[in-house]
Amino acid sequence: VKEIKDNMELTNALITGVRSSKGELLHYYYSVNGIKYEGDYQLYIGYNNANSLVNYYFPVVYSKKHPKKRKVLIHPFDFEKYNIRYPDSILWVKNLILENEH
């Protein structure tokens, strides 16, 4: 977290798939300087709800020194941790999370 906060850059990650594994794992990728990075984000909102996020873009903060160090911002707590306002364009996701989180 400290490395990202000290060297923070922002881009967008595309959610490309979801699978169940002690909650739902959202698979995503993002690119920095033409290099593609991939990862998973765990969320506990049910498979069908998580699947509704596929093919949507979400902000990702990363370290400009080490772009592999990143955090996709989906949950309201993620935005708070990095002191970033929750975007109006994805408020429907915030509501989905708060109504279905378990």
Protein backbone atom coordinates (compact mmCIF):
# COMPACT_ATOMS: atom_id res chain seq x y z
CA VAL A 1 0.00 0.00 0.00
CA LYS A 2 2.77 2.47 0.96
CA GLU A 3 4.70 1.89 -2.28
CA ILE A 4 1.56 2.52 -4.32
CA LYS A 5 0.60 5.62 -2.34
CA ASP A 6 4.12 7.05 -2.62
CA ASN A 7 4.36 6.45 -6.40
CA MET A 8 0.69 6.37 -7.39
CA GLU A 9 -0.52 6.34 -10.97
CA LEU A 10 -4.05 5.61 -12.11
CA THR A 11 -5.37 3.73 -15.12
CA ASN A 12 -8.29 1.40 -15.89
CA ALA A 13 -8.58 -2.36 -15.60
CA LEU A 14 -10.99 -4.48 -17.62
CA ILE A 15 -12.81 -7.27 -15.79
CA THR A 16 -12.55 -10.27 -18.11
CA GLY A 17 -14.05 -13.14 -16.13
CA VAL A 18 -15.20 -14.49 -12.80
CA ARG A 19 -14.86 -17.78 -10.97
CA SER A 20 -15.96 -18.99 -7.57
CA SER A 21 -13.29 -19.65 -4.95
CA LYS A 22 -14.18 -18.76 -1.34
CA GLY A 23 -16.11 -15.85 -2.75
CA GLU A 24 -15.89 -14.64 -6.30
CA LEU A 25 -12.58 -13.97 -8.04
CA LEU A 26 -12.80 -11.32 -10.73
CA HIS A 27 -10.04 -11.67 -13.31
CA TYR A 28 -8.79 -8.40 -14.79
CA TYR A 29 -6.02 -6.88 -16.85
CA TYR A 30 -4.58 -3.44 -17.33
CA SER A 31 -1.74 -2.04 -19.43
CA VAL A 32 1.09 0.35 -18.58
CA ASN A 33 3.41 1.56 -21.34
CA GLY A 34 2.20 -1.22 -23.63
CA ILE A 35 2.83 -3.98 -21.08
CA LYS A 36 -0.17 -6.06 -20.01
CA TYR A 37 -0.60 -6.99 -16.34
CA GLU A 38 -3.20 -9.40 -15.00
CA GLY A 39 -4.62 -10.22 -11.62
CA ASP A 40 -7.61 -11.32 -9.57
CA TYR A 41 -9.82 -9.38 -7.19
CA GLN A 42 -11.86 -11.16 -4.52
CA LEU A 43 -15.39 -10.00 -3.80
CA TYR A 44 -18.22 -11.61 -1.81
CA ILE A 45 -21.40 -10.65 -3.66
CA GLY A 46 -22.52 -13.92 -5.28
CA TYR A 47 -21.51 -15.33 -8.63
CA ASN A 48 -24.32 -13.80 -10.70
CA ASN A 49 -23.71 -10.34 -9.27
CA ALA A 50 -19.96 -10.65 -9.80
CA ASN A 51 -20.54 -11.89 -13.35
CA SER A 52 -22.47 -8.69 -14.09
CA LEU A 53 -19.15 -6.78 -13.70
CA VAL A 54 -17.47 -8.64 -16.59
CA ASN A 55 -16.55 -6.37 -19.52
CA TYR A 56 -16.63 -3.24 -17.35
CA TYR A 57 -13.64 -1.06 -16.60
CA PHE A 58 -12.61 -0.09 -13.07
CA PRO A 59 -9.88 2.20 -11.82
CA VAL A 60 -6.59 0.62 -10.81
CA VAL A 61 -3.87 2.38 -8.83
CA TYR A 62 -0.32 1.17 -9.32
CA SER A 63 3.24 2.12 -8.47
CA LYS A 64 4.90 3.98 -11.33
CA LYS A 65 8.18 2.41 -10.16
CA HIS A 66 6.78 -1.14 -10.10
CA PRO A 67 3.56 -1.37 -12.16
CA LYS A 68 2.96 -4.96 -10.99
CA LYS A 69 2.18 -3.51 -7.55
CA ARG A 70 -1.43 -2.52 -7.96
CA LYS A 71 -4.89 -2.43 -6.47
CA VAL A 72 -8.09 -2.47 -8.48
CA LEU A 73 -10.64 -0.12 -6.97
CA ILE A 74 -14.09 -1.70 -6.85
CA HIS A 75 -15.22 -1.83 -3.22
CA PRO A 76 -15.91 1.52 -1.49
CA PHE A 77 -13.16 0.67 1.05
CA ASP A 78 -10.62 0.49 -1.79
CA PHE A 79 -11.36 4.07 -2.79
CA GLU A 80 -11.21 5.26 0.82
CA LYS A 81 -7.83 3.57 1.36
CA TYR A 82 -6.31 5.53 -1.53
CA ASN A 83 -8.27 8.74 -0.84
CA ILE A 84 -10.05 8.64 -4.19
CA ARG A 85 -13.68 9.65 -4.65
CA TYR A 86 -16.01 6.84 -5.76
CA PRO A 87 -16.88 7.62 -9.41
CA ASP A 88 -20.49 8.43 -10.25
CA SER A 89 -20.18 6.23 -13.35
CA ILE A 90 -19.98 3.07 -11.21
CA LEU A 91 -22.30 3.98 -8.33
CA TRP A 92 -24.50 1.07 -9.44
CA VAL A 93 -21.61 -1.24 -8.49
CA LYS A 94 -21.29 0.34 -5.05
CA ASN A 95 -25.01 -0.26 -4.47
CA LEU A 96 -24.70 -3.84 -5.76
CA ILE A 97 -21.84 -4.52 -3.32
CA LEU A 98 -23.53 -2.93 -0.31
CA GLU A 99 -26.81 -4.78 -0.96
CA ASN A 100 -25.27 -8.23 -1.61
CA GLU A 101 -22.02 -8.50 0.31
CA HIS A 102 -21.80 -11.54 2.57
